[in-house]
Amino acid sequence: MDIMELVEKTKDAASVKRVFGEPIRHGDVTVIPVAKIGQGGGGGSGTSEGGEHPGQGAGGGFGYGAVPAGVFVVKDGEVRWQPVVDVNRIVLGGQIVAVVLLLTIRAIVKRRRKR
C-alpha cells in the first residue's frame, strides 16, 4: 500500500460525522453529542544496495483518537452547551496542588527551625 492509498482510506476519519454524533431526541429536547478528534499519520520508504541485507522497504501508519467533549442541548428553540466533566483531570489537579502546598509548608517549617 502506498501513501496515497493510505490517505484515501483515512479521509473519513476526521469528517464532521466523527465530531458530531447523531442527534438524540426525547420529547421536545434534542441532544447532539460532540467529540474532540485527533489524528496523525506517517510513512516511509527505503532501499538498500549491497551489504548483507539487500532489499527495499516501505511503511505507513495512521493514528486516530476521539474524546468526548460535551453535548449541545436544544430545547424550546434555544441551544445550550454542556461540557463533559473530566473527573480524572480534576482529581489530578487537586493532587498536584496538594503536593506543592505540602512542599511549601515543609520549606517554611525547615527555614523557621534554622532560626
PDB file of N, CA and C in Angstrom:
ATOM      1  N   MET A   1       0.856  -1.177   0.000  1.00  0.00           N
ATOM      2  CA  MET A   1       0.000   0.000   0.000  1.00  0.00           C
ATOM      3  C   MET A   1       0.901   1.239   0.000  1.00  0.00           C
ATOM      4  N   ASP A   2       0.670   2.163  -0.906  1.00  0.00           N
ATOM      5  CA  ASP A   2       1.464   3.387  -0.927  1.00  0.00           C
ATOM      6  C   ASP A   2       0.777   4.465  -0.094  1.00  0.00           C
ATOM      7  N   ILE A   3       1.455   5.583   0.073  1.00  0.00           N
ATOM      8  CA  ILE A   3       0.964   6.660   0.936  1.00  0.00           C
ATOM      9  C   ILE A   3      -0.369   7.210   0.451  1.00  0.00           C
ATOM     10  N   MET A   4      -0.545   7.357  -0.824  1.00  0.00           N
ATOM     11  CA  MET A   4      -1.792   7.926  -1.343  1.00  0.00           C
ATOM     12  C   MET A   4      -2.981   7.010  -1.050  1.00  0.00           C
ATOM     13  N   GLU A   5      -2.768   5.701  -1.107  1.00  0.00           N
ATOM     14  CA  GLU A   5      -3.849   4.770  -0.752  1.00  0.00           C
ATOM     15  C   GLU A   5      -4.206   4.922   0.724  1.00  0.00           C
ATOM     16  N   LEU A   6      -3.191   5.084   1.561  1.00  0.00           N
ATOM     17  CA  LEU A   6      -3.411   5.251   2.992  1.00  0.00           C
ATOM     18  C   LEU A   6      -4.209   6.523   3.263  1.00  0.00           C
ATOM     19  N   VAL A   7      -3.854   7.600   2.589  1.00  0.00           N
ATOM     20  CA  VAL A   7      -4.573   8.866   2.754  1.00  0.00           C
ATOM     21  C   VAL A   7      -6.024   8.711   2.320  1.00  0.00           C
ATOM     22  N   GLU A   8      -6.270   8.055   1.221  1.00  0.00           N
ATOM     23  CA  GLU A   8      -7.637   7.860   0.731  1.00  0.00           C
ATOM     24  C   GLU A   8      -8.472   7.040   1.716  1.00  0.00           C
ATOM     25  N   LYS A   9      -7.870   6.028   2.315  1.00  0.00           N
ATOM     26  CA  LYS A   9      -8.615   5.171   3.243  1.00  0.00           C
ATOM     27  C   LYS A   9      -8.907   5.867   4.560  1.00  0.00           C
ATOM     28  N   THR A  10      -8.121   6.868   4.921  1.00  0.00           N
ATOM     29  CA  THR A  10      -8.302   7.538   6.202  1.00  0.00           C
ATOM     30  C   THR A  10      -9.012   8.887   6.084  1.00  0.00           C
ATOM     31  N   LYS A  11      -9.456   9.245   4.919  1.00  0.00           N
ATOM     32  CA  LYS A  11     -10.143  10.522   4.707  1.00  0.00           C
ATOM     33  C   LYS A  11     -11.358  10.681   5.605  1.00  0.00           C
ATOM     34  N   ASP A  12     -12.105   9.625   5.789  1.00  0.00           N
ATOM     35  CA  ASP A  12     -13.350   9.685   6.560  1.00  0.00           C
ATOM     36  C   ASP A  12     -13.103   9.843   8.057  1.00  0.00           C
ATOM     37  N   ALA A  13     -11.907   9.573   8.528  1.00  0.00           N
ATOM     38  CA  ALA A  13     -11.642   9.566   9.967  1.00  0.00           C
ATOM     39  C   ALA A  13     -11.888  10.914  10.632  1.00  0.00           C
ATOM     40  N   ALA A  14     -11.632  12.008   9.949  1.00  0.00           N
ATOM     41  CA  ALA A  14     -11.792  13.327  10.561  1.00  0.00           C
ATOM     42  C   ALA A  14     -13.003  14.075  10.016  1.00  0.00           C
ATOM     43  N   SER A  15     -13.958  13.356   9.497  1.00  0.00           N
ATOM     44  CA  SER A  15     -15.130  14.028   8.935  1.00  0.00           C
ATOM     45  C   SER A  15     -16.013  14.593  10.043  1.00  0.00           C
ATOM     46  N   VAL A  16     -16.914  15.452   9.654  1.00  0.00           N
ATOM     47  CA  VAL A  16     -17.814  16.087  10.615  1.00  0.00           C
ATOM     48  C   VAL A  16     -18.703  15.042  11.301  1.00  0.00           C
ATOM     49  N   LYS A  17     -18.936  13.910  10.662  1.00  0.00           N
ATOM     50  CA  LYS A  17     -19.735  12.849  11.274  1.00  0.00           C
ATOM     51  C   LYS A  17     -19.035  12.272  12.506  1.00  0.00           C
ATOM     52  N   ARG A  18     -17.718  12.346  12.551  1.00  0.00           N
ATOM     53  CA  ARG A  18     -16.971  11.842  13.707  1.00  0.00           C
ATOM     54  C   ARG A  18     -16.991  12.849  14.857  1.00  0.00           C
ATOM     55  N   VAL A  19     -17.053  14.137  14.543  1.00  0.00           N
ATOM     56  CA  VAL A  19     -17.046  15.172  15.573  1.00  0.00           C
ATOM     57  C   VAL A  19     -18.425  15.301  16.210  1.00  0.00           C
ATOM     58  N   PHE A  20     -19.466  15.371  15.394  1.00  0.00           N
ATOM     59  CA  PHE A  20     -20.834  15.494  15.879  1.00  0.00           C
ATOM     60  C   PHE A  20     -21.537  14.161  15.709  1.00  0.00           C
ATOM     61  N   GLY A  21     -22.095  13.631  16.797  1.00  0.00           N
ATOM     62  CA  GLY A  21     -22.830  12.376  16.729  1.00  0.00           C
ATOM     63  C   GLY A  21     -24.232  12.588  16.197  1.00  0.00           C
ATOM     64  N   GLU A  22     -24.943  11.507  16.055  1.00  0.00           N
ATOM     65  CA  GLU A  22     -26.332  11.575  15.604  1.00  0.00           C
ATOM     66  C   GLU A  22     -27.181  12.256  16.684  1.00  0.00           C
ATOM     67  N   PRO A  23     -28.035  13.189  16.308  1.00  0.00           N
ATOM     68  CA  PRO A  23     -28.910  13.848  17.289  1.00  0.00           C
ATOM     69  C   PRO A  23     -29.833  12.833  17.972  1.00  0.00           C
ATOM     70  N   ILE A  24     -30.034  13.036  19.253  1.00  0.00           N
ATOM     71  CA  ILE A  24     -30.914  12.175  20.036  1.00  0.00           C
ATOM     72  C   ILE A  24     -32.094  13.030  20.482  1.00  0.00           C
ATOM     73  N   ARG A  25     -33.298  12.578  20.170  1.00  0.00           N
ATOM     74  CA  ARG A  25     -34.497  13.342  20.510  1.00  0.00           C
ATOM     75  C   ARG A  25     -35.285  12.614  21.588  1.00  0.00           C
ATOM     76  N   HIS A  26     -35.702  13.389  22.574  1.00  0.00           N
ATOM     77  CA  HIS A  26     -36.569  12.858  23.629  1.00  0.00           C
ATOM     78  C   HIS A  26     -37.589  13.947  23.958  1.00  0.00           C
ATOM     79  N   GLY A  27     -38.779  13.757  23.487  1.00  0.00           N
ATOM     80  CA  GLY A  27     -39.804  14.785  23.667  1.00  0.00           C
ATOM     81  C   GLY A  27     -39.449  16.021  22.858  1.00  0.00           C
ATOM     82  N   ASP A  28     -39.395  17.173  23.527  1.00  0.00           N
ATOM     83  CA  ASP A  28     -39.055  18.417  22.838  1.00  0.00           C
ATOM     84  C   ASP A  28     -37.590  18.786  23.000  1.00  0.00           C
ATOM     85  N   VAL A  29     -36.781  17.875  23.532  1.00  0.00           N
ATOM     86  CA  VAL A  29     -35.344  18.126  23.744  1.00  0.00           C
ATOM     87  C   VAL A  29     -34.534  17.320  22.741  1.00  0.00           C
ATOM     88  N   THR A  30     -33.556  17.979  22.111  1.00  0.00           N
ATOM     89  CA  THR A  30     -32.630  17.317  21.197  1.00  0.00           C
ATOM     90  C   THR A  30     -31.221  17.473  21.756  1.00  0.00           C
ATOM     91  N   VAL A  31     -30.491  16.361  21.814  1.00  0.00           N
ATOM     92  CA  VAL A  31     -29.118  16.360  22.322  1.00  0.00           C
ATOM     93  C   VAL A  31     -28.201  15.939  21.176  1.00  0.00           C
ATOM     94  N   ILE A  32     -27.140  16.744  20.934  1.00  0.00           N
ATOM     95  CA  ILE A  32     -26.171  16.446  19.880  1.00  0.00           C
ATOM     96  C   ILE A  32     -24.815  16.240  20.538  1.00  0.00           C
ATOM     97  N   PRO A  33     -24.315  14.989  20.574  1.00  0.00           N
ATOM     98  CA  PRO A  33     -23.012  14.730  21.184  1.00  0.00           C
ATOM     99  C   PRO A  33     -21.866  15.276  20.324  1.00  0.00           C
ATOM    100  N   VAL A  34     -20.796  15.745  21.002  1.00  0.00           N
ATOM    101  CA  VAL A  34     -19.630  16.321  20.322  1.00  0.00           C
ATOM    102  C   VAL A  34     -18.367  15.673  20.887  1.00  0.00           C
ATOM    103  N   ALA A  35     -17.399  15.409  20.010  1.00  0.00           N
ATOM    104  CA  ALA A  35     -16.133  14.802  20.429  1.00  0.00           C
ATOM    105  C   ALA A  35     -14.962  15.619  19.916  1.00  0.00           C
ATOM    106  N   LYS A  36     -13.831  15.549  20.641  1.00  0.00           N
ATOM    107  CA  LYS A  36     -12.577  16.130  20.167  1.00  0.00           C
ATOM    108  C   LYS A  36     -11.848  15.040  19.393  1.00  0.00           C
ATOM    109  N   ILE A  37     -11.425  15.370  18.192  1.00  0.00           N
ATOM    110  CA  ILE A  37     -10.796  14.398  17.315  1.00  0.00           C
ATOM    111  C   ILE A  37      -9.321  14.730  17.153  1.00  0.00           C
ATOM    112  N   GLY A  38      -8.494  13.713  17.202  1.00  0.00           N
ATOM    113  CA  GLY A  38      -7.064  13.883  16.931  1.00  0.00           C
ATOM    114  C   GLY A  38      -6.610  12.783  15.991  1.00  0.00           C
ATOM    115  N   GLN A  39      -5.739  13.136  15.072  1.00  0.00           N
ATOM    116  CA  GLN A  39      -5.245  12.130  14.135  1.00  0.00           C
ATOM    117  C   GLN A  39      -3.840  12.478  13.693  1.00  0.00           C
ATOM    118  N   GLY A  40      -3.152  11.509  13.206  1.00  0.00           N
ATOM    119  CA  GLY A  40      -1.811  11.714  12.680  1.00  0.00           C
ATOM    120  C   GLY A  40      -1.450  10.545  11.791  1.00  0.00           C
ATOM    121  N   GLY A  41      -0.502  10.779  10.955  1.00  0.00           N
ATOM    122  CA  GLY A  41      -0.092   9.716  10.045  1.00  0.00           C
ATOM    123  C   GLY A  41       1.367   9.864   9.680  1.00  0.00           C
ATOM    124  N   GLY A  42       1.887   8.858   9.083  1.00  0.00           N
ATOM    125  CA  GLY A  42       3.282   8.892   8.658  1.00  0.00           C
ATOM    126  C   GLY A  42       3.551   7.794   7.652  1.00  0.00           C
ATOM    127  N   GLY A  43       4.667   7.903   7.033  1.00  0.00           N
ATOM    128  CA  GLY A  43       5.025   6.894   6.045  1.00  0.00           C
ATOM    129  C   GLY A  43       6.531   6.840   5.887  1.00  0.00           C
ATOM    130  N   GLY A  44       6.988   5.857   5.198  1.00  0.00           N
ATOM    131  CA  GLY A  44       8.421   5.724   4.987  1.00  0.00           C
ATOM    132  C   GLY A  44       8.703   4.875   3.771  1.00  0.00           C
ATOM    133  N   SER A  45       9.940   4.868   3.407  1.00  0.00           N
ATOM    134  CA  SER A  45      10.345   4.104   2.242  1.00  0.00           C
ATOM    135  C   SER A  45      11.855   3.948   2.306  1.00  0.00           C
ATOM    136  N   GLY A  46      12.409   3.005   1.613  1.00  0.00           N
ATOM    137  CA  GLY A  46      13.860   2.872   1.622  1.00  0.00           C
ATOM    138  C   GLY A  46      14.321   1.766   0.709  1.00  0.00           C
ATOM    139  N   THR A  47      15.584   1.856   0.360  1.00  0.00           N
ATOM    140  CA  THR A  47      16.212   0.799  -0.422  1.00  0.00           C
ATOM    141  C   THR A  47      17.607   0.582   0.130  1.00  0.00           C
ATOM    142  N   SER A  48      18.120  -0.574  -0.094  1.00  0.00           N
ATOM    143  CA  SER A  48      19.470  -0.900   0.359  1.00  0.00           C
ATOM    144  C   SER A  48      20.167  -1.634  -0.771  1.00  0.00           C
ATOM    145  N   GLU A  49      21.279  -1.112  -1.141  1.00  0.00           N
ATOM    146  CA  GLU A  49      22.030  -1.761  -2.208  1.00  0.00           C
ATOM    147  C   GLU A  49      23.296  -2.345  -1.619  1.00  0.00           C
ATOM    148  N   GLY A  50      23.566  -3.590  -1.939  1.00  0.00           N
ATOM    149  CA  GLY A  50      24.753  -4.254  -1.426  1.00  0.00           C
ATOM    150  C   GLY A  50      24.608  -4.582   0.040  1.00  0.00           C
ATOM    151  N   GLY A  51      25.716  -4.846   0.679  1.00  0.00           N
ATOM    152  CA  GLY A  51      25.695  -5.163   2.106  1.00  0.00           C
ATOM    153  C   GLY A  51      25.135  -6.552   2.352  1.00  0.00           C
ATOM    154  N   GLU A  52      24.891  -6.840   3.612  1.00  0.00           N
ATOM    155  CA  GLU A  52      24.374  -8.160   3.979  1.00  0.00           C
ATOM    156  C   GLU A  52      22.910  -8.364   3.614  1.00  0.00           C
ATOM    157  N   HIS A  53      22.112  -7.317   3.741  1.00  0.00           N
ATOM    158  CA  HIS A  53      20.670  -7.440   3.541  1.00  0.00           C
ATOM    159  C   HIS A  53      20.186  -6.521   2.428  1.00  0.00           C
ATOM    160  N   PRO A  54      20.439  -6.857   1.178  1.00  0.00           N
ATOM    161  CA  PRO A  54      19.924  -6.004   0.106  1.00  0.00           C
ATOM    162  C   PRO A  54      18.401  -6.151   0.016  1.00  0.00           C
ATOM    163  N   GLY A  55      17.730  -5.078  -0.331  1.00  0.00           N
ATOM    164  CA  GLY A  55      16.279  -5.148  -0.461  1.00  0.00           C
ATOM    165  C   GLY A  55      15.672  -3.767  -0.478  1.00  0.00           C
ATOM    166  N   GLN A  56      14.399  -3.694  -0.219  1.00  0.00           N
ATOM    167  CA  GLN A  56      13.707  -2.416  -0.176  1.00  0.00           C
ATOM    168  C   GLN A  56      12.765  -2.399   1.022  1.00  0.00           C
ATOM    169  N   GLY A  57      12.266  -1.234   1.325  1.00  0.00           N
ATOM    170  CA  GLY A  57      11.363  -1.119   2.464  1.00  0.00           C
ATOM    171  C   GLY A  57      10.244  -0.153   2.158  1.00  0.00           C
ATOM    172  N   ALA A  58       9.233  -0.221   2.936  1.00  0.00           N
ATOM    173  CA  ALA A  58       8.111   0.690   2.811  1.00  0.00           C
ATOM    174  C   ALA A  58       7.363   0.665   4.133  1.00  0.00           C
ATOM    175  N   GLY A  59       6.554   1.645   4.371  1.00  0.00           N
ATOM    176  CA  GLY A  59       5.784   1.649   5.607  1.00  0.00           C
ATOM    177  C   GLY A  59       4.801   2.791   5.618  1.00  0.00           C
ATOM    178  N   GLY A  60       3.858   2.673   6.459  1.00  0.00           N
ATOM    179  CA  GLY A  60       2.856   3.717   6.596  1.00  0.00           C
ATOM    180  C   GLY A  60       2.032   3.438   7.838  1.00  0.00           C
ATOM    181  N   GLY A  61       1.505   4.467   8.390  1.00  0.00           N
ATOM    182  CA  GLY A  61       0.689   4.273   9.578  1.00  0.00           C
ATOM    183  C   GLY A  61      -0.246   5.450   9.790  1.00  0.00           C
ATOM    184  N   PHE A  62      -1.264   5.210  10.577  1.00  0.00           N
ATOM    185  CA  PHE A  62      -2.259   6.241  10.839  1.00  0.00           C
ATOM    186  C   PHE A  62      -2.802   6.011  12.239  1.00  0.00           C
ATOM    187  N   GLY A  63      -2.911   7.087  12.997  1.00  0.00           N
ATOM    188  CA  GLY A  63      -3.483   7.003  14.337  1.00  0.00           C
ATOM    189  C   GLY A  63      -4.668   7.946  14.458  1.00  0.00           C
ATOM    190  N   TYR A  64      -5.641   7.520  15.217  1.00  0.00           N
ATOM    191  CA  TYR A  64      -6.886   8.276  15.333  1.00  0.00           C
ATOM    192  C   TYR A  64      -7.387   8.141  16.762  1.00  0.00           C
ATOM    193  N   GLY A  65      -7.855   9.234  17.323  1.00  0.00           N
ATOM    194  CA  GLY A  65      -8.409   9.175  18.670  1.00  0.00           C
ATOM    195  C   GLY A  65      -9.551  10.153  18.822  1.00  0.00           C
ATOM    196  N   ALA A  66     -10.510   9.801  19.664  1.00  0.00           N
ATOM    197  CA  ALA A  66     -11.655  10.669  19.924  1.00  0.00           C
ATOM    198  C   ALA A  66     -11.942  10.666  21.419  1.00  0.00           C
ATOM    199  N   VAL A  67     -12.206  11.852  21.954  1.00  0.00           N
ATOM    200  CA  VAL A  67     -12.525  12.019  23.372  1.00  0.00           C
ATOM    201  C   VAL A  67     -13.810  12.827  23.466  1.00  0.00           C
ATOM    202  N   PRO A  68     -14.755  12.407  24.304  1.00  0.00           N
ATOM    203  CA  PRO A  68     -15.991  13.179  24.437  1.00  0.00           C
ATOM    204  C   PRO A  68     -15.705  14.608  24.898  1.00  0.00           C
ATOM    205  N   ALA A  69     -16.356  15.579  24.286  1.00  0.00           N
ATOM    206  CA  ALA A  69     -16.170  16.983  24.656  1.00  0.00           C
ATOM    207  C   ALA A  69     -17.403  17.549  25.355  1.00  0.00           C
ATOM    208  N   GLY A  70     -18.576  17.072  24.981  1.00  0.00           N
ATOM    209  CA  GLY A  70     -19.805  17.564  25.582  1.00  0.00           C
ATOM    210  C   GLY A  70     -20.981  17.350  24.656  1.00  0.00           C
ATOM    211  N   VAL A  71     -22.054  18.061  24.938  1.00  0.00           N
ATOM    212  CA  VAL A  71     -23.251  17.955  24.113  1.00  0.00           C
ATOM    213  C   VAL A  71     -23.878  19.330  23.925  1.00  0.00           C
ATOM    214  N   PHE A  72     -24.527  19.501  22.787  1.00  0.00           N
ATOM    215  CA  PHE A  72     -25.392  20.653  22.567  1.00  0.00           C
ATOM    216  C   PHE A  72     -26.801  20.202  22.919  1.00  0.00           C
ATOM    217  N   VAL A  73     -27.467  20.960  23.761  1.00  0.00           N
ATOM    218  CA  VAL A  73     -28.843  20.662  24.150  1.00  0.00           C
ATOM    219  C   VAL A  73     -29.737  21.717  23.513  1.00  0.00           C
ATOM    220  N   VAL A  74     -30.673  21.264  22.673  1.00  0.00           N
ATOM    221  CA  VAL A  74     -31.607  22.165  22.002  1.00  0.00           C
ATOM    222  C   VAL A  74     -32.983  21.940  22.626  1.00  0.00           C
ATOM    223  N   LYS A  75     -33.499  23.013  23.253  1.00  0.00           N
ATOM    224  CA  LYS A  75     -34.810  22.919  23.910  1.00  0.00           C
ATOM    225  C   LYS A  75     -35.536  24.247  23.724  1.00  0.00           C
ATOM    226  N   ASP A  76     -36.755  24.178  23.286  1.00  0.00           N
ATOM    227  CA  ASP A  76     -37.597  25.354  23.063  1.00  0.00           C
ATOM    228  C   ASP A  76     -36.914  26.395  22.174  1.00  0.00           C
ATOM    229  N   GLY A  77     -36.202  25.947  21.147  1.00  0.00           N
ATOM    230  CA  GLY A  77     -35.556  26.848  20.212  1.00  0.00           C
ATOM    231  C   GLY A  77     -34.263  27.470  20.716  1.00  0.00           C
ATOM    232  N   GLU A  78     -33.819  27.126  21.914  1.00  0.00           N
ATOM    233  CA  GLU A  78     -32.566  27.653  22.462  1.00  0.00           C
ATOM    234  C   GLU A  78     -31.529  26.537  22.538  1.00  0.00           C
ATOM    235  N   VAL A  79     -30.280  26.907  22.259  1.00  0.00           N
ATOM    236  CA  VAL A  79     -29.175  25.939  22.284  1.00  0.00           C
ATOM    237  C   VAL A  79     -28.283  26.244  23.472  1.00  0.00           C
ATOM    238  N   ARG A  80     -27.929  25.185  24.213  1.00  0.00           N
ATOM    239  CA  ARG A  80     -27.049  25.318  25.373  1.00  0.00           C
ATOM    240  C   ARG A  80     -25.919  24.301  25.247  1.00  0.00           C
ATOM    241  N   TRP A  81     -24.688  24.716  25.526  1.00  0.00           N
ATOM    242  CA  TRP A  81     -23.527  23.828  25.506  1.00  0.00           C
ATOM    243  C   TRP A  81     -23.333  23.241  26.901  1.00  0.00           C
ATOM    244  N   GLN A  82     -23.210  21.930  26.982  1.00  0.00           N
ATOM    245  CA  GLN A  82     -22.987  21.239  28.248  1.00  0.00           C
ATOM    246  C   GLN A  82     -21.680  20.458  28.118  1.00  0.00           C
ATOM    247  N   PRO A  83     -20.569  20.996  28.660  1.00  0.00           N
ATOM    248  CA  PRO A  83     -19.287  20.299  28.520  1.00  0.00           C
ATOM    249  C   PRO A  83     -19.219  19.038  29.382  1.00  0.00           C
ATOM    250  N   VAL A  84     -18.347  18.132  28.968  1.00  0.00           N
ATOM    251  CA  VAL A  84     -18.096  16.920  29.742  1.00  0.00           C
ATOM    252  C   VAL A  84     -17.211  17.289  30.926  1.00  0.00           C
ATOM    253  N   VAL A  85     -17.510  16.753  32.088  1.00  0.00           N
ATOM    254  CA  VAL A  85     -16.678  16.979  33.270  1.00  0.00           C
ATOM    255  C   VAL A  85     -15.707  15.813  33.362  1.00  0.00           C
ATOM    256  N   ASP A  86     -14.411  16.112  33.251  1.00  0.00           N
ATOM    257  CA  ASP A  86     -13.379  15.089  33.347  1.00  0.00           C
ATOM    258  C   ASP A  86     -12.921  14.992  34.801  1.00  0.00           C
ATOM    259  N   VAL A  87     -13.509  14.062  35.542  1.00  0.00           N
ATOM    260  CA  VAL A  87     -13.226  13.918  36.965  1.00  0.00           C
ATOM    261  C   VAL A  87     -11.763  13.561  37.195  1.00  0.00           C
ATOM    262  N   ASN A  88     -11.183  12.756  36.327  1.00  0.00           N
ATOM    263  CA  ASN A  88      -9.766  12.376  36.489  1.00  0.00           C
ATOM    264  C   ASN A  88      -8.862  13.596  36.439  1.00  0.00           C
ATOM    265  N   ARG A  89      -9.141  14.518  35.535  1.00  0.00           N
ATOM    266  CA  ARG A  89      -8.326  15.727  35.423  1.00  0.00           C
ATOM    267  C   ARG A  89      -8.487  16.603  36.667  1.00  0.00           C
ATOM    268  N   ILE A  90      -9.693  16.684  37.194  1.00  0.00           N
ATOM    269  CA  ILE A  90      -9.932  17.471  38.402  1.00  0.00           C
ATOM    270  C   ILE A  90      -9.173  16.876  39.586  1.00  0.00           C
ATOM    271  N   VAL A  91      -9.232  15.558  39.743  1.00  0.00           N
ATOM    272  CA  VAL A  91      -8.534  14.892  40.842  1.00  0.00           C
ATOM    273  C   VAL A  91      -7.032  15.074  40.706  1.00  0.00           C
ATOM    274  N   LEU A  92      -6.500  14.915  39.508  1.00  0.00           N
ATOM    275  CA  LEU A  92      -5.068  15.095  39.294  1.00  0.00           C
ATOM    276  C   LEU A  92      -4.642  16.519  39.620  1.00  0.00           C
ATOM    277  N   GLY A  93      -5.424  17.495  39.205  1.00  0.00           N
ATOM    278  CA  GLY A  93      -5.111  18.889  39.522  1.00  0.00           C
ATOM    279  C   GLY A  93      -5.106  19.129  41.019  1.00  0.00           C
ATOM    280  N   GLY A  94      -6.057  18.548  41.740  1.00  0.00           N
ATOM    281  CA  GLY A  94      -6.091  18.669  43.193  1.00  0.00           C
ATOM    282  C   GLY A  94      -4.882  18.026  43.854  1.00  0.00           C
ATOM    283  N   GLN A  95      -4.447  16.895  43.341  1.00  0.00           N
ATOM    284  CA  GLN A  95      -3.267  16.221  43.897  1.00  0.00           C
ATOM    285  C   GLN A  95      -2.004  17.051  43.683  1.00  0.00           C
ATOM    286  N   ILE A  96      -1.885  17.652  42.514  1.00  0.00           N
ATOM    287  CA  ILE A  96      -0.709  18.488  42.235  1.00  0.00           C
ATOM    288  C   ILE A  96      -0.691  19.693  43.167  1.00  0.00           C
ATOM    289  N   VAL A  97      -1.822  20.336  43.358  1.00  0.00           N
ATOM    290  CA  VAL A  97      -1.903  21.480  44.270  1.00  0.00           C
ATOM    291  C   VAL A  97      -1.544  21.049  45.691  1.00  0.00           C
ATOM    292  N   ALA A  98      -2.031  19.880  46.128  1.00  0.00           N
ATOM    293  CA  ALA A  98      -1.742  19.389  47.479  1.00  0.00           C
ATOM    294  C   ALA A  98      -0.252  19.124  47.663  1.00  0.00           C
ATOM    295  N   VAL A  99       0.406  18.535  46.678  1.00  0.00           N
ATOM    296  CA  VAL A  99       1.845  18.250  46.782  1.00  0.00           C
ATOM    297  C   VAL A  99       2.633  19.555  46.849  1.00  0.00           C
ATOM    298  N   VAL A 100       2.305  20.521  46.011  1.00  0.00           N
ATOM    299  CA  VAL A 100       3.008  21.810  46.037  1.00  0.00           C
ATOM    300  C   VAL A 100       2.794  22.498  47.385  1.00  0.00           C
ATOM    301  N   LEU A 101       1.583  22.440  47.902  1.00  0.00           N
ATOM    302  CA  LEU A 101       1.289  23.041  49.202  1.00  0.00           C
ATOM    303  C   LEU A 101       2.099  22.372  50.310  1.00  0.00           C
ATOM    304  N   LEU A 102       2.155  21.053  50.317  1.00  0.00           N
ATOM    305  CA  LEU A 102       2.924  20.335  51.340  1.00  0.00           C
ATOM    306  C   LEU A 102       4.419  20.641  51.250  1.00  0.00           C
ATOM    307  N   LEU A 103       4.960  20.721  50.040  1.00  0.00           N
ATOM    308  CA  LEU A 103       6.381  21.045  49.883  1.00  0.00           C
ATOM    309  C   LEU A 103       6.667  22.475  50.340  1.00  0.00           C
ATOM    310  N   THR A 104       5.758  23.388  50.083  1.00  0.00           N
ATOM    311  CA  THR A 104       5.928  24.771  50.520  1.00  0.00           C
ATOM    312  C   THR A 104       5.894  24.858  52.043  1.00  0.00           C
ATOM    313  N   ILE A 105       4.940  24.179  52.662  1.00  0.00           N
ATOM    314  CA  ILE A 105       4.859  24.176  54.131  1.00  0.00           C
ATOM    315  C   ILE A 105       6.114  23.561  54.724  1.00  0.00           C
ATOM    316  N   ARG A 106       6.607  22.496  54.123  1.00  0.00           N
ATOM    317  CA  ARG A 106       7.839  21.845  54.604  1.00  0.00           C
ATOM    318  C   ARG A 106       9.021  22.813  54.540  1.00  0.00           C
ATOM    319  N   ALA A 107       9.147  23.554  53.443  1.00  0.00           N
ATOM    320  CA  ALA A 107      10.247  24.504  53.300  1.00  0.00           C
ATOM    321  C   ALA A 107      10.136  25.615  54.340  1.00  0.00           C
ATOM    322  N   ILE A 108       8.926  26.089  54.607  1.00  0.00           N
ATOM    323  CA  ILE A 108       8.725  27.146  55.607  1.00  0.00           C
ATOM    324  C   ILE A 108       9.096  26.637  56.997  1.00  0.00           C
ATOM    325  N   VAL A 109       8.669  25.437  57.343  1.00  0.00           N
ATOM    326  CA  VAL A 109       8.985  24.870  58.662  1.00  0.00           C
ATOM    327  C   VAL A 109      10.485  24.674  58.825  1.00  0.00           C
ATOM    328  N   LYS A 110      11.173  24.184  57.813  1.00  0.00           N
ATOM    329  CA  LYS A 110      12.629  23.991  57.874  1.00  0.00           C
ATOM    330  C   LYS A 110      13.347  25.332  58.085  1.00  0.00           C
ATOM    331  N   ARG A 111      12.897  26.353  57.377  1.00  0.00           N
ATOM    332  CA  ARG A 111      13.514  27.669  57.486  1.00  0.00           C
ATOM    333  C   ARG A 111      13.333  28.240  58.890  1.00  0.00           C
ATOM    334  N   ARG A 112      12.176  28.054  59.483  1.00  0.00           N
ATOM    335  CA  ARG A 112      11.914  28.557  60.839  1.00  0.00           C
ATOM    336  C   ARG A 112      12.717  27.803  61.884  1.00  0.00           C
ATOM    337  N   ARG A 113      12.965  26.523  61.686  1.00  0.00           N
ATOM    338  CA  ARG A 113      13.753  25.730  62.632  1.00  0.00           C
ATOM    339  C   ARG A 113      15.212  26.198  62.669  1.00  0.00           C
ATOM    340  N   LYS A 114      15.734  26.614  61.511  1.00  0.00           N
ATOM    341  CA  LYS A 114      17.124  27.069  61.447  1.00  0.00           C
ATOM    342  C   LYS A 114      17.317  28.373  62.193  1.00  0.00           C
ATOM    343  N   ARG A 115      16.312  29.187  62.342  1.00  0.00           N
ATOM    344  CA  ARG A 115      16.424  30.479  63.026  1.00  0.00           C
ATOM    345  C   ARG A 115      16.419  30.263  64.462  1.00  0.00           C
TER     346      ARG A 115
END
